[in-house]
Amino acid sequence: MKTNPGKRLRVQQIQVKEFELLQIESSDLVVEILPDVGGKIAQIRNKVSGREYFVPPQRPYRTIPVEGDWLQHDTSGMDDCFPNVAAGQYPDAPWSSLRLPDLGEWTHGAWKVIALDKRAVTMKRSGTPLPYTAIKTTRFLSERTLESTYLVHNHGEAPIRYLWSAHPLISVEGEYEVILPPGKPHLRTFPSDGGSYSWPMWKGTDLSRNFLPSGKTLKVFVSGLSEGWCVLRQPTNSLRLTFDLNQIPALGIWFNNYGFPADSEKCFRCIALEPCTSPTDLLDELAPDAYQSIPPGGSVHWSLQMEISPH
């Protein structure tokens, strides 16, 4: 399908509805964004080779209702998880009766586009019932580097405890290497198996370059990074994420070797590099001071850069 760079596109999804597919591009990359599907980055494509870097759609795109189940919808591309990752109760008053959905509120519902040009898009949404407004801008910093910036303002009278995690499902076909900054980072599994391990070894497996057996998945959190970056290197390209350790001190990594979706004929293989604000997917697993919060009337701001380099 031929498209015009930077224009809003109307794309008919199979037996569902029309969704607005936005494209921004550089000389090297095309980025597709779906405001009506949680504002996700649906795909990043190399303009020369045609290579797609994220897992492609597994189901027709649909807006996930507030009470909907993320697992029953398309699970591809790159989502943002906020104010939680794993489903669970919000831990603090006055919202302690609130149940948070899997992958957080931002993946549910739609984002409103408030600015768009050839190289950038800005979207906005409000919390329900948490009293916040979020603004997300995705733009090209250079021909191979994409930046997402986030601003969240708390309109309420109580602090908002939160998690944020990137959730890019990066396609991995063959050999790979996960490269972290020099030092002695350590990891733990989620859910926890009770152990603490020195990266990259976990029960005899070098997670930096060896997949688990086929049909298995594993989520780990890496802490103690000396610098705010990580790289997934494959034979044809490297994908580097860069972030501020003061705001984003942990790194989640999800290894999926055809173990997800469970009980499905459409299992796929991917690695998700997930810079995150706390080394957990739950808002109540760690001590309260292990989480970031937004004070009443206050705001928080952070960013993530993604550089994709062909070899």
Protein backbone atom coordinates (compact mmCIF):
# COMPACT_ATOMS: atom_id res chain seq x y z
CA MET A 1 0.00 0.00 0.00
CA LYS A 2 1.43 3.37 -1.01
CA THR A 3 1.24 6.10 1.60
CA ASN A 4 2.10 9.75 1.94
CA PRO A 5 4.74 10.47 4.62
CA GLY A 6 3.41 12.18 7.71
CA LYS A 7 -0.26 12.05 6.68
CA ARG A 8 -3.05 10.50 8.70
CA LEU A 9 -4.08 7.23 7.15
CA ARG A 10 -7.35 5.33 7.31
CA VAL A 11 -6.71 1.60 7.43
CA GLN A 12 -9.53 -0.94 7.38
CA GLN A 13 -8.91 -3.79 9.83
CA ILE A 14 -10.51 -7.14 9.15
CA GLN A 15 -14.19 -7.15 10.23
CA VAL A 16 -13.52 -4.65 13.01
CA LYS A 17 -13.56 -0.94 12.21
CA GLU A 18 -11.42 1.76 10.70
CA PHE A 19 -8.36 2.64 12.71
CA GLU A 20 -6.15 5.64 12.27
CA LEU A 21 -2.65 4.45 11.43
CA LEU A 22 -0.08 7.20 11.77
CA GLN A 23 3.28 7.06 10.06
CA ILE A 24 6.36 9.09 10.87
CA GLU A 25 9.62 8.51 9.05
CA SER A 26 13.26 9.34 8.60
CA SER A 27 15.47 8.57 5.64
CA ASP A 28 16.10 5.09 7.12
CA LEU A 29 12.99 4.06 9.08
CA VAL A 30 9.19 4.12 8.99
CA VAL A 31 7.33 3.99 12.32
CA GLU A 32 3.64 3.03 12.49
CA ILE A 33 1.58 4.19 15.48
CA LEU A 34 -1.99 3.28 16.45
CA PRO A 35 -3.59 5.94 18.70
CA ASP A 36 -6.82 3.91 19.01
CA VAL A 37 -4.96 0.77 20.13
CA GLY A 38 -3.39 2.09 23.32
CA GLY A 39 -1.17 4.45 21.34
CA LYS A 40 1.16 1.55 20.60
CA ILE A 41 4.02 1.56 18.12
CA ALA A 42 2.70 -1.13 15.81
CA GLN A 43 5.88 -1.57 13.79
CA ILE A 44 9.26 -0.10 12.88
CA ARG A 45 10.42 -0.91 9.34
CA ASN A 46 13.72 -0.44 7.54
CA LYS A 47 12.99 1.51 4.34
CA VAL A 48 15.78 -0.13 2.34
CA SER A 49 15.64 -3.79 3.40
CA GLY A 50 11.97 -3.91 4.37
CA ARG A 51 12.90 -5.64 7.63
CA GLU A 52 10.35 -5.29 10.44
CA TYR A 53 11.87 -5.15 13.91
CA PHE A 54 8.86 -5.92 16.11
CA VAL A 55 6.58 -8.95 16.29
CA PRO A 56 3.83 -8.44 13.67
CA PRO A 57 0.08 -8.46 14.48
CA GLN A 58 -1.19 -11.75 15.85
CA ARG A 59 -4.86 -10.72 15.76
CA PRO A 60 -6.87 -7.93 14.11
CA TYR A 61 -6.28 -4.63 15.86
CA ARG A 62 -9.03 -3.61 18.29
CA THR A 63 -9.30 -0.96 20.95
CA ILE A 64 -9.08 -2.72 24.32
CA PRO A 65 -11.95 -1.61 26.59
CA VAL A 66 -11.10 -0.37 30.08
CA GLU A 67 -12.34 -3.67 31.50
CA GLY A 68 -10.93 -5.72 28.61
CA ASP A 69 -8.22 -8.39 28.74
CA TRP A 70 -5.02 -7.50 26.90
CA LEU A 71 -4.32 -11.19 26.31
CA GLN A 72 -7.54 -11.51 24.29
CA HIS A 73 -6.44 -8.77 21.89
CA ASP A 74 -3.42 -8.26 19.66
CA THR A 75 -0.19 -8.54 21.66
CA SER A 76 2.35 -7.39 19.06
CA GLY A 77 4.48 -4.27 18.60
CA MET A 78 5.57 -1.96 21.40
CA ASP A 79 3.27 -0.87 24.22
CA ASP A 80 3.85 1.42 27.21
CA CYS A 81 2.79 0.02 30.60
CA PHE A 82 1.51 2.53 33.19
CA PRO A 83 0.73 2.72 36.15
CA ASN A 84 1.38 -1.02 36.48
CA VAL A 85 2.41 -4.04 34.39
CA ALA A 86 0.88 -7.18 35.90
CA ALA A 87 -2.81 -6.98 36.83
CA GLY A 88 -3.53 -6.27 40.49
CA GLN A 89 -5.04 -3.95 43.06
CA TYR A 90 -3.86 -0.38 43.41
CA PRO A 91 -2.20 -0.36 46.88
CA ASP A 92 -2.96 3.10 48.32
CA ALA A 93 -5.99 5.11 49.43
CA PRO A 94 -8.14 6.66 48.11
CA TRP A 95 -8.01 4.20 45.17
CA SER A 96 -7.26 0.96 47.04
CA SER A 97 -10.41 -0.66 45.64
CA LEU A 98 -9.22 -0.07 42.06
CA ARG A 99 -8.16 -3.14 40.09
CA LEU A 100 -5.53 -2.39 37.48
CA PRO A 101 -5.61 -4.29 34.16
CA ASP A 102 -2.84 -6.43 32.70
CA LEU A 103 -0.17 -4.23 31.06
CA GLY A 104 -1.67 -1.16 32.67
CA GLU A 105 -4.20 1.47 31.75
CA TRP A 106 -2.24 3.03 28.88
CA THR A 107 -2.66 -0.09 26.70
CA HIS A 108 -6.45 0.16 27.09
CA GLY A 109 -8.61 2.69 25.32
CA ALA A 110 -7.34 5.34 22.90
CA TRP A 111 -4.99 8.30 22.87
CA LYS A 112 -5.92 11.63 21.30
CA VAL A 113 -3.51 13.00 18.69
CA ILE A 114 -2.71 16.64 19.47
CA ALA A 115 0.23 17.23 17.10
CA LEU A 116 1.58 15.45 14.02
CA ASP A 117 4.19 16.05 11.36
CA LYS A 118 6.45 13.91 9.18
CA ARG A 119 8.92 13.08 11.98
CA ALA A 120 6.90 13.32 15.22
CA VAL A 121 3.53 12.63 16.82
CA THR A 122 2.21 13.82 20.19
CA MET A 123 -0.72 12.12 21.94
CA LYS A 124 -2.67 12.77 25.15
CA ARG A 125 -4.98 10.85 27.48
CA SER A 126 -6.47 11.02 30.98
CA GLY A 127 -6.51 8.46 33.76
CA THR A 128 -9.67 6.62 34.85
CA PRO A 129 -10.23 6.86 37.76
CA LEU A 130 -6.69 7.93 38.71
CA PRO A 131 -6.67 11.73 38.28
CA TYR A 132 -3.82 12.29 35.87
CA THR A 133 -3.17 13.56 32.36
CA ALA A 134 -0.44 11.96 30.23
CA ILE A 135 1.28 13.34 27.14
CA LYS A 136 3.54 11.17 25.00
CA THR A 137 5.66 12.38 22.08
CA THR A 138 7.43 10.00 19.69
CA ARG A 139 9.89 11.64 17.32
CA PHE A 140 13.06 11.06 15.34
CA LEU A 141 16.20 12.49 16.93
CA SER A 142 18.26 11.29 13.97
CA GLU A 143 17.78 9.04 10.96
CA ARG A 144 18.21 5.90 13.08
CA THR A 145 17.20 7.11 16.54
CA LEU A 146 13.63 7.35 17.82
CA GLU A 147 12.80 9.10 21.10
CA SER A 148 9.67 8.77 23.22
CA THR A 149 9.12 11.40 25.91
CA TYR A 150 6.49 11.20 28.64
CA LEU A 151 4.87 13.84 30.85
CA VAL A 152 2.32 12.87 33.52
CA HIS A 153 0.53 15.44 35.70
CA ASN A 154 -1.35 14.50 38.90
CA HIS A 155 -4.56 16.54 39.20
CA GLY A 156 -5.62 14.85 42.44
CA GLU A 157 -5.14 15.48 46.14
CA ALA A 158 -3.16 12.30 46.91
CA PRO A 159 0.15 10.97 45.55
CA ILE A 160 -0.05 8.50 42.67
CA ARG A 161 2.27 5.51 43.03
CA TYR A 162 3.24 4.17 39.62
CA LEU A 163 5.27 1.83 37.50
CA TRP A 164 6.28 2.54 33.93
CA SER A 165 7.81 -0.04 31.64
CA ALA A 166 8.55 -0.11 27.94
CA HIS A 167 7.19 -3.26 26.29
CA PRO A 168 8.83 -3.74 22.86
CA LEU A 169 8.45 -7.27 21.48
CA ILE A 170 11.56 -7.50 19.33
CA SER A 171 11.58 -10.29 16.75
CA VAL A 172 14.52 -12.70 17.13
CA GLU A 173 14.98 -15.28 14.40
CA GLY A 174 18.35 -16.81 15.15
CA GLU A 175 21.46 -15.93 17.13
CA TYR A 176 21.41 -12.95 19.46
CA GLU A 177 23.39 -11.19 22.17
CA VAL A 178 22.06 -8.98 24.96
CA ILE A 179 24.79 -6.48 25.89
CA LEU A 180 24.67 -4.50 29.15
CA PRO A 181 27.03 -1.83 30.56
CA PRO A 182 30.26 -3.00 32.25
CA GLY A 183 29.95 -3.88 35.91
CA LYS A 184 28.30 -6.56 38.01
CA PRO A 185 24.53 -6.32 37.49
CA HIS A 186 22.35 -8.92 39.15
CA LEU A 187 19.01 -10.41 38.23
CA ARG A 188 15.95 -11.98 39.76
CA THR A 189 13.04 -13.72 38.10
CA PHE A 190 9.44 -12.56 38.03
CA PRO A 191 7.56 -14.20 39.59
CA SER A 192 10.46 -14.64 41.98
CA ASP A 193 11.99 -18.09 42.35
CA GLY A 194 13.62 -16.90 45.59
CA GLY A 195 17.10 -16.55 44.12
CA SER A 196 19.42 -13.72 43.16
CA TYR A 197 21.80 -14.29 40.25
CA SER A 198 24.76 -12.56 38.64
CA TRP A 199 23.96 -11.46 35.11
CA PRO A 200 23.92 -13.19 32.65
CA MET A 201 23.77 -16.64 34.27
CA TRP A 202 20.52 -18.22 35.43
CA LYS A 203 20.53 -21.89 36.47
CA GLY A 204 23.29 -22.77 34.01
CA THR A 205 21.92 -20.75 31.07
CA ASP A 206 23.76 -17.72 29.71
CA LEU A 207 20.74 -15.51 29.09
CA SER A 208 22.82 -12.99 27.16
CA ARG A 209 23.13 -15.34 24.18
CA ASN A 210 21.25 -18.61 24.76
CA PHE A 211 17.50 -19.08 24.54
CA LEU A 212 15.54 -21.27 26.91
CA PRO A 213 14.18 -24.56 25.51
CA SER A 214 11.47 -24.19 22.88
CA GLY A 215 8.05 -23.61 24.39
CA LYS A 216 9.38 -21.69 27.41
CA THR A 217 9.30 -18.08 28.60
CA LEU A 218 11.19 -16.25 31.35
CA LYS A 219 10.90 -12.74 32.79
CA VAL A 220 13.86 -11.31 34.71
CA PHE A 221 14.68 -7.95 36.24
CA VAL A 222 18.24 -6.68 36.08
CA SER A 223 19.40 -4.18 38.71
CA GLY A 224 22.74 -2.56 39.50
CA LEU A 225 23.35 -1.17 36.01
CA SER A 226 26.35 1.17 35.84
CA GLU A 227 24.94 3.12 32.90
CA GLY A 228 21.52 3.60 31.36
CA TRP A 229 21.60 1.56 28.18
CA CYS A 230 21.16 -1.94 26.79
CA VAL A 231 21.63 -3.51 23.35
CA LEU A 232 20.06 -6.45 21.56
CA ARG A 233 22.47 -7.49 18.83
CA GLN A 234 21.44 -9.80 15.99
CA PRO A 235 23.31 -10.84 12.82
CA THR A 236 21.60 -8.17 10.70
CA ASN A 237 21.10 -5.30 13.16
CA SER A 238 21.52 -3.92 16.67
CA LEU A 239 18.79 -2.22 18.71
CA ARG A 240 20.03 0.03 21.51
CA LEU A 241 17.85 1.56 24.22
CA THR A 242 19.15 4.53 26.23
CA PHE A 243 17.58 5.94 29.40
CA ASP A 244 18.30 7.98 32.54
CA LEU A 245 19.15 5.69 35.48
CA ASN A 246 17.94 8.31 37.97
CA GLN A 247 14.42 7.96 36.60
CA ILE A 248 14.56 4.44 35.12
CA PRO A 249 16.91 2.40 37.33
CA ALA A 250 15.95 -1.15 36.32
CA LEU A 251 15.73 -3.30 33.21
CA GLY A 252 13.18 -6.02 32.67
CA ILE A 253 13.94 -8.64 30.02
CA TRP A 254 11.33 -11.09 28.73
CA PHE A 255 12.58 -14.14 26.83
CA ASN A 256 9.90 -15.88 24.77
CA ASN A 257 10.96 -18.95 22.81
CA TYR A 258 7.62 -19.92 21.28
CA GLY A 259 6.08 -20.18 24.74
CA PHE A 260 3.61 -17.31 24.29
CA PRO A 261 0.72 -17.07 23.74
CA ALA A 262 0.14 -20.22 25.77
CA ASP A 263 -2.03 -22.93 24.19
CA SER A 264 -1.90 -21.18 20.83
CA GLU A 265 -0.88 -22.21 17.32
CA LYS A 266 0.47 -18.68 16.81
CA CYS A 267 3.32 -18.72 19.33
CA PHE A 268 6.22 -16.50 18.35
CA ARG A 269 9.85 -15.88 19.30
CA CYS A 270 10.97 -12.57 20.74
CA ILE A 271 12.97 -10.74 23.36
CA ALA A 272 11.53 -7.70 25.11
CA LEU A 273 14.04 -5.21 26.54
CA GLU A 274 11.97 -3.32 29.11
CA PRO A 275 13.57 -0.33 30.87
CA CYS A 276 11.39 0.29 33.92
CA THR A 277 11.02 2.45 37.00
CA SER A 278 11.02 -0.45 39.53
CA PRO A 279 12.29 -4.06 39.30
CA THR A 280 8.83 -5.64 39.45
CA ASP A 281 5.56 -5.86 37.51
CA LEU A 282 3.38 -5.30 40.59
CA LEU A 283 2.69 -2.10 42.53
CA ASP A 284 2.60 -3.89 45.90
CA GLU A 285 5.39 -6.49 45.72
CA LEU A 286 8.20 -4.25 47.02
CA ALA A 287 8.50 -1.72 49.83
CA PRO A 288 6.69 1.57 49.12
CA ASP A 289 9.97 3.48 48.73
CA ALA A 290 10.93 1.18 45.84
CA TYR A 291 8.34 2.92 43.66
CA GLN A 292 8.15 6.36 42.17
CA SER A 293 5.14 8.60 42.81
CA ILE A 294 3.65 11.82 41.52
CA PRO A 295 2.83 14.34 44.28
CA PRO A 296 -0.56 16.07 44.35
CA GLY A 297 -0.52 18.79 41.73
CA GLY A 298 2.91 17.65 40.55
CA SER A 299 4.34 16.24 37.34
CA VAL A 300 6.95 13.69 36.27
CA HIS A 301 8.86 13.54 33.01
CA TRP A 302 11.08 10.87 31.46
CA SER A 303 12.29 9.67 28.07
CA LEU A 304 13.57 6.63 26.18
CA GLN A 305 15.74 6.57 23.07
CA MET A 306 15.86 3.67 20.61
CA GLU A 307 18.61 3.43 17.99
CA ILE A 308 18.42 0.78 15.27
CA SER A 309 21.63 0.15 13.33
CA PRO A 310 21.97 -2.34 10.47
CA HIS A 311 25.24 -4.29 10.25
